[in-house]
């Protein structure tokens, strides 16, 4: 099966997003139970994660508007 660059990046992005969505709810539990962080610090962690994600979506959308979705995805994965 032949996949062009944008399809490969889409599949990789889906796998990354799915794995983060699967693991992320349990990070707070681990921080609280295993590392003994208070609930308010775990809440601050989730608040920061949400804030950084929102900024990333805004910046990514702006970048995609300027240089195109395909080019912004390729540039992002090259810079990683």
N, C-alpha and C. Protein backbone atom coordinates (compact mmCIF):
# COMPACT_ATOMS: atom_id res chain seq x y z
N UNK A 1 0.85 -1.18 0.00
CA UNK A 1 0.00 0.00 0.00
C UNK A 1 0.89 1.24 0.00
N UNK A 2 0.64 2.12 -0.91
CA UNK A 2 1.42 3.34 -1.04
C UNK A 2 0.77 4.46 -0.26
N UNK A 3 1.55 5.10 0.60
CA UNK A 3 1.05 6.24 1.35
C UNK A 3 1.94 7.44 1.06
N UNK A 4 1.31 8.55 0.77
CA UNK A 4 2.11 9.76 0.58
C UNK A 4 2.40 10.38 1.94
N UNK A 5 3.18 11.44 1.94
CA UNK A 5 3.65 12.04 3.19
C UNK A 5 2.52 12.49 4.10
N UNK A 6 1.50 13.11 3.56
CA UNK A 6 0.42 13.64 4.39
C UNK A 6 -0.36 12.51 5.05
N UNK A 7 -0.55 11.39 4.36
CA UNK A 7 -1.24 10.26 4.98
C UNK A 7 -0.41 9.63 6.08
N UNK A 8 0.90 9.54 5.88
CA UNK A 8 1.78 9.01 6.94
C UNK A 8 1.74 9.91 8.17
N UNK A 9 1.80 11.22 7.95
CA UNK A 9 1.76 12.15 9.07
C UNK A 9 0.41 12.11 9.79
N UNK A 10 -0.65 11.92 9.04
CA UNK A 10 -1.98 11.82 9.64
C UNK A 10 -2.09 10.58 10.52
N UNK A 11 -1.58 9.47 10.05
CA UNK A 11 -1.62 8.23 10.83
C UNK A 11 -0.75 8.36 12.09
N UNK A 12 0.44 8.93 11.94
CA UNK A 12 1.32 9.14 13.10
C UNK A 12 0.66 10.07 14.10
N UNK A 13 0.04 11.14 13.62
CA UNK A 13 -0.64 12.07 14.50
C UNK A 13 -1.80 11.41 15.23
N UNK A 14 -2.55 10.56 14.53
CA UNK A 14 -3.65 9.84 15.18
C UNK A 14 -3.14 8.93 16.28
N UNK A 15 -2.08 8.18 16.01
CA UNK A 15 -1.53 7.26 17.02
C UNK A 15 -1.02 8.04 18.23
N UNK A 16 -0.34 9.15 17.99
CA UNK A 16 0.18 9.97 19.08
C UNK A 16 -0.97 10.54 19.92
N UNK A 17 -1.98 11.07 19.28
CA UNK A 17 -3.11 11.65 19.99
C UNK A 17 -3.89 10.58 20.76
N UNK A 18 -4.08 9.43 20.15
CA UNK A 18 -4.80 8.35 20.82
C UNK A 18 -4.04 7.86 22.05
N UNK A 19 -2.73 7.71 21.93
CA UNK A 19 -1.95 7.23 23.07
C UNK A 19 -1.92 8.26 24.20
N UNK A 20 -1.80 9.53 23.87
CA UNK A 20 -1.83 10.57 24.90
C UNK A 20 -3.19 10.60 25.58
N UNK A 21 -4.27 10.47 24.80
CA UNK A 21 -5.61 10.48 25.37
C UNK A 21 -5.86 9.27 26.26
N UNK A 22 -5.21 8.17 25.97
CA UNK A 22 -5.38 6.97 26.77
C UNK A 22 -4.61 7.06 28.09
N UNK A 23 -3.41 7.62 28.06
CA UNK A 23 -2.54 7.66 29.23
C UNK A 23 -2.83 8.87 30.12
N UNK A 24 -3.22 9.97 29.55
CA UNK A 24 -3.34 11.24 30.28
C UNK A 24 -4.24 11.19 31.51
N UNK A 25 -5.39 10.51 31.49
CA UNK A 25 -6.21 10.49 32.71
C UNK A 25 -5.53 9.83 33.90
N UNK A 26 -4.63 8.91 33.64
CA UNK A 26 -3.97 8.17 34.72
C UNK A 26 -2.72 8.87 35.25
N UNK A 27 -2.26 9.90 34.56
CA UNK A 27 -1.10 10.64 35.05
C UNK A 27 -1.42 11.32 36.37
N UNK A 28 -2.59 11.93 36.48
CA UNK A 28 -2.99 12.57 37.72
C UNK A 28 -3.08 11.58 38.87
N UNK A 29 -3.61 10.41 38.59
CA UNK A 29 -3.69 9.37 39.61
C UNK A 29 -2.30 8.94 40.08
N UNK A 30 -1.39 8.77 39.14
CA UNK A 30 -0.02 8.40 39.50
C UNK A 30 0.67 9.51 40.27
N UNK A 31 0.47 10.75 39.86
CA UNK A 31 1.09 11.87 40.58
C UNK A 31 0.59 11.93 42.01
N UNK A 32 -0.68 11.64 42.21
CA UNK A 32 -1.26 11.72 43.54
C UNK A 32 -0.90 10.51 44.40
N UNK A 33 -1.06 9.32 43.87
CA UNK A 33 -0.88 8.13 44.69
C UNK A 33 0.57 7.69 44.83
N UNK A 34 1.33 7.71 43.74
CA UNK A 34 2.69 7.19 43.79
C UNK A 34 3.71 8.25 44.19
N UNK A 35 3.52 9.47 43.69
CA UNK A 35 4.47 10.53 43.99
C UNK A 35 4.01 11.44 45.12
N UNK A 36 2.83 11.14 45.67
CA UNK A 36 2.29 11.83 46.84
C UNK A 36 2.14 13.34 46.66
N UNK A 37 1.82 13.77 45.45
CA UNK A 37 1.56 15.18 45.22
C UNK A 37 0.13 15.50 45.66
N UNK A 38 -0.08 16.64 46.29
CA UNK A 38 -1.45 17.01 46.68
C UNK A 38 -2.33 17.24 45.45
N UNK A 39 -3.62 17.10 45.66
CA UNK A 39 -4.58 17.23 44.57
C UNK A 39 -4.49 18.60 43.90
N UNK A 40 -4.24 19.66 44.68
CA UNK A 40 -4.19 20.98 44.05
C UNK A 40 -3.01 21.09 43.08
N UNK A 41 -1.89 20.40 43.35
CA UNK A 41 -0.77 20.42 42.40
C UNK A 41 -1.09 19.60 41.15
N UNK A 42 -1.80 18.52 41.33
CA UNK A 42 -2.24 17.73 40.18
C UNK A 42 -3.20 18.57 39.32
N UNK A 43 -4.07 19.32 39.97
CA UNK A 43 -4.98 20.21 39.24
C UNK A 43 -4.22 21.28 38.48
N UNK A 44 -3.18 21.83 39.09
CA UNK A 44 -2.36 22.83 38.41
C UNK A 44 -1.65 22.21 37.21
N UNK A 45 -1.22 20.95 37.35
CA UNK A 45 -0.61 20.24 36.21
C UNK A 45 -1.60 20.15 35.05
N UNK A 46 -2.83 19.71 35.34
CA UNK A 46 -3.84 19.60 34.28
C UNK A 46 -4.23 20.96 33.70
N UNK A 47 -4.27 21.97 34.54
CA UNK A 47 -4.56 23.32 34.06
C UNK A 47 -3.47 23.80 33.10
N UNK A 48 -2.22 23.58 33.48
CA UNK A 48 -1.10 23.96 32.61
C UNK A 48 -1.10 23.18 31.31
N UNK A 49 -1.40 21.89 31.40
CA UNK A 49 -1.47 21.06 30.20
C UNK A 49 -2.56 21.55 29.25
N UNK A 50 -3.70 21.90 29.80
CA UNK A 50 -4.81 22.42 28.98
C UNK A 50 -4.43 23.75 28.35
N UNK A 51 -3.80 24.63 29.12
CA UNK A 51 -3.39 25.93 28.60
C UNK A 51 -2.38 25.78 27.47
N UNK A 52 -1.37 24.95 27.66
CA UNK A 52 -0.35 24.74 26.63
C UNK A 52 -0.96 24.11 25.38
N UNK A 53 -1.89 23.18 25.57
CA UNK A 53 -2.55 22.55 24.42
C UNK A 53 -3.37 23.57 23.63
N UNK A 54 -4.09 24.44 24.34
CA UNK A 54 -4.88 25.47 23.65
C UNK A 54 -3.99 26.42 22.87
N UNK A 55 -2.89 26.85 23.48
CA UNK A 55 -1.94 27.73 22.78
C UNK A 55 -1.36 27.02 21.56
N UNK A 56 -1.06 25.73 21.70
CA UNK A 56 -0.53 24.96 20.57
C UNK A 56 -1.52 24.85 19.42
N UNK A 57 -2.80 24.65 19.76
CA UNK A 57 -3.82 24.58 18.71
C UNK A 57 -3.98 25.93 18.01
N UNK A 58 -3.96 26.99 18.76
CA UNK A 58 -4.09 28.32 18.16
C UNK A 58 -2.90 28.61 17.26
N UNK A 59 -1.70 28.36 17.76
CA UNK A 59 -0.49 28.60 16.96
C UNK A 59 -0.46 27.70 15.73
N UNK A 60 -0.83 26.43 15.92
CA UNK A 60 -0.83 25.50 14.78
C UNK A 60 -1.83 25.89 13.71
N UNK A 61 -3.01 26.35 14.13
CA UNK A 61 -4.01 26.81 13.16
C UNK A 61 -3.56 28.04 12.41
N UNK A 62 -2.92 28.96 13.14
CA UNK A 62 -2.40 30.17 12.51
C UNK A 62 -1.32 29.81 11.51
N UNK A 63 -0.42 28.91 11.90
CA UNK A 63 0.65 28.49 11.00
C UNK A 63 0.09 27.77 9.77
N UNK A 64 -0.93 26.94 9.98
CA UNK A 64 -1.54 26.23 8.85
C UNK A 64 -2.23 27.20 7.90
N UNK A 65 -2.81 28.29 8.43
CA UNK A 65 -3.42 29.30 7.56
C UNK A 65 -2.39 30.01 6.71
N UNK A 66 -1.21 30.20 7.26
CA UNK A 66 -0.18 30.94 6.53
C UNK A 66 0.54 30.08 5.49
N UNK A 67 1.04 28.90 5.91
CA UNK A 67 1.86 28.11 4.99
C UNK A 67 1.17 26.86 4.48
N UNK A 68 -0.04 26.60 4.92
CA UNK A 68 -0.77 25.42 4.46
C UNK A 68 -0.67 24.28 5.46
N UNK A 69 -1.70 23.46 5.47
CA UNK A 69 -1.76 22.37 6.45
C UNK A 69 -0.66 21.34 6.24
N UNK A 70 -0.46 20.94 5.01
CA UNK A 70 0.55 19.91 4.72
C UNK A 70 1.93 20.40 5.08
N UNK A 71 2.28 21.61 4.67
CA UNK A 71 3.61 22.13 4.96
C UNK A 71 3.81 22.36 6.45
N UNK A 72 2.78 22.79 7.15
CA UNK A 72 2.94 23.01 8.59
C UNK A 72 3.13 21.69 9.32
N UNK A 73 2.44 20.62 8.89
CA UNK A 73 2.63 19.31 9.52
C UNK A 73 4.03 18.79 9.26
N UNK A 74 4.49 18.91 8.05
CA UNK A 74 5.84 18.43 7.72
C UNK A 74 6.89 19.25 8.47
N UNK A 75 6.74 20.56 8.49
CA UNK A 75 7.70 21.41 9.21
C UNK A 75 7.72 21.09 10.71
N UNK A 76 6.54 20.83 11.28
CA UNK A 76 6.47 20.52 12.70
C UNK A 76 7.22 19.23 13.01
N UNK A 77 7.03 18.19 12.19
CA UNK A 77 7.69 16.91 12.46
C UNK A 77 9.17 16.98 12.16
N UNK A 78 9.61 17.83 11.27
CA UNK A 78 11.03 18.00 11.01
C UNK A 78 11.70 18.71 12.19
N UNK A 79 11.00 19.70 12.77
CA UNK A 79 11.56 20.47 13.89
C UNK A 79 11.60 19.68 15.19
N UNK A 80 10.81 18.65 15.30
CA UNK A 80 10.80 17.85 16.52
C UNK A 80 12.11 17.18 16.62
